Protein backbone atom coordinates (compact mmCIF):
# COMPACT_ATOMS: atom_id res chain seq x y z
CA MET A 1 123.25 16.82 36.49
CA ASN A 2 123.17 15.56 32.97
CA VAL A 3 120.76 12.68 34.11
CA SER A 4 118.44 15.46 35.66
CA ARG A 5 118.47 17.49 32.45
CA THR A 6 117.69 14.10 30.29
CA LEU A 7 114.80 13.36 32.75
CA ILE A 8 113.41 16.79 32.50
CA VAL A 9 113.44 16.85 28.72
CA ALA A 10 111.96 13.50 28.39
CA ALA A 11 109.09 14.54 30.90
CA LEU A 12 108.48 17.68 28.87
CA ALA A 13 108.24 15.62 25.60
CA ALA A 14 105.88 13.08 27.22
CA VAL A 15 103.71 16.00 28.31
CA ALA A 16 103.97 17.70 24.87
CA PHE A 17 103.08 14.33 23.25
CA GLY A 18 99.98 13.94 25.56
CA ALA A 19 98.93 17.40 24.96
CA GLN A 20 98.21 16.65 21.17
CA ALA A 21 95.93 13.76 21.96
CA ASP A 22 92.64 14.00 20.54
CA GLU A 23 89.12 12.66 21.45
CA ALA A 24 88.92 8.93 21.25
CA ASP A 25 85.21 8.77 20.30
CA GLY A 26 85.07 9.40 16.47
CA SER A 27 81.24 9.10 16.34
CA GLN A 28 81.02 13.03 16.42
CA PHE A 29 82.42 13.15 12.86
CA ALA A 30 80.01 10.45 11.53
CA THR A 31 79.45 10.79 7.85
CA GLN A 32 75.91 11.45 6.89
CA PHE A 33 75.07 9.65 3.62
CA ASN A 34 71.94 9.91 1.79
CA SER A 35 71.49 7.43 -0.94
CA THR A 36 70.01 7.94 -4.47
CA ARG A 37 69.14 4.44 -5.09
CA THR A 38 66.82 1.92 -3.53
CA ARG A 39 68.23 -1.31 -1.61
CA ALA A 40 66.49 -3.33 -4.58
CA GLN A 41 68.61 -1.44 -7.19
CA VAL A 42 71.91 -1.98 -5.13
CA GLN A 43 71.28 -5.60 -4.89
CA ALA A 44 70.38 -5.88 -8.43
CA ASP A 45 73.69 -4.27 -9.47
CA LEU A 46 75.59 -6.67 -7.05
CA THR A 47 73.89 -9.79 -8.74
CA GLN A 48 74.68 -8.51 -12.15
CA PHE A 49 78.40 -7.82 -11.14
CA LYS A 50 78.66 -11.39 -9.60
CA GLN A 51 77.47 -12.83 -12.75
CA ALA A 52 79.82 -11.08 -15.20
CA GLY A 53 82.65 -13.31 -13.64
CA THR A 54 85.44 -10.85 -13.48
CA SER A 55 86.20 -8.77 -10.45
CA PRO A 56 89.25 -6.69 -10.18
CA TRP A 57 89.06 -6.87 -6.39
CA SER A 58 89.32 -10.54 -6.32
CA ILE A 59 92.48 -12.44 -5.43
CA GLN A 60 92.25 -14.61 -8.62
CA TYR A 61 91.17 -11.86 -11.02
CA ASN A 62 92.28 -12.61 -14.63
CA GLN A 63 92.04 -9.61 -16.84
CA LEU A 64 92.31 -11.59 -19.92
CA ALA A 65 89.24 -13.89 -19.17
CA LYS A 66 86.83 -11.83 -21.36
CA PHE A 67 89.45 -10.33 -23.57
CA ASN A 68 88.82 -10.55 -27.32
CA SER A 69 91.56 -9.19 -29.68
CA GLU A 70 90.76 -7.19 -32.68
CA ARG A 71 94.15 -8.33 -34.41
CA SER A 72 95.17 -11.91 -35.43
CA ARG A 73 98.20 -13.40 -34.00
CA ALA A 74 99.97 -13.11 -37.31
CA ALA A 75 99.20 -9.30 -37.72
CA VAL A 76 100.63 -8.85 -34.15
CA GLN A 77 103.86 -10.84 -34.93
CA ALA A 78 104.17 -8.85 -38.23
CA ASP A 79 103.86 -5.68 -36.42
CA TYR A 80 106.56 -6.71 -33.78
CA LEU A 81 109.07 -7.96 -36.31
CA ALA A 82 108.80 -4.69 -38.32
CA ASN A 83 109.34 -2.46 -35.21
CA ARG A 84 111.49 -4.66 -33.09
CA ASP A 85 114.79 -2.61 -34.11
CA ALA A 86 113.16 0.54 -32.97
CA VAL A 87 111.73 -0.77 -29.86
CA ALA A 88 115.12 -2.35 -28.78
CA ALA A 89 116.78 1.12 -29.54
CA MET A 90 114.23 3.04 -27.42
CA THR A 91 114.74 0.73 -24.61
CA SER A 92 118.33 0.48 -24.62
CA GLU A 93 120.92 2.16 -22.32
CA ASP A 94 120.84 5.52 -24.00
CA SER A 95 117.09 5.49 -24.07
CA GLY A 96 116.98 5.92 -28.07
CA SER A 97 119.19 8.82 -28.26
CA ALA A 98 121.55 7.31 -30.87
CA TYR A 99 118.60 6.00 -32.70
CA LEU A 100 116.80 9.15 -32.87
CA ALA A 101 119.98 11.03 -33.98
CA LYS A 102 120.43 8.45 -36.75
CA HIS A 103 116.65 8.72 -37.84
CA ASP A 104 115.39 12.30 -38.36
CA ALA A 105 112.19 12.43 -36.23
CA ALA A 106 111.78 16.24 -36.37
CA PRO A 107 108.74 17.56 -37.88
CA SER A 108 109.16 19.10 -41.26
CA PHE A 109 107.22 22.22 -40.59
CA THR A 110 108.06 25.12 -38.22
CA ARG A 111 105.54 26.35 -35.85
CA LEU A 112 106.46 29.39 -33.59
CA ALA A 113 104.61 30.24 -30.47
CA GLY A 114 102.52 33.24 -30.72
CA THR A 115 102.45 33.03 -34.41
CA PRO A 116 98.68 33.39 -35.57
CA VAL A 117 97.46 31.12 -38.20
CA ASN A 118 96.51 33.66 -40.57
CA ALA A 119 99.45 36.06 -40.12
CA GLN A 120 99.44 39.07 -42.35
């Protein structure tokens, strides 16, 4: 008796699954696309892109290949040395809670919601 119920439930599930099937031909939903550029313009863009030498879709993409820093190495190292304690504190286990409690980081002014700038 349990076997027949199981078979009936399985058959109903298979029928319900098959009832959700859709048309196999997706051409009825083909996207209509009208380009605003000519083929020559697109090919010129492709040529320019290839000559640039960096492609974010490439397997061997190097983000730093064309990078030029605005700061010197010494300036970056000095900035790191000046701020490394704060960075270590903010990335520690307590996410900087103890560091922020020790160093008053609250603004010195009070701004209340709804208070107009020119209150009278």
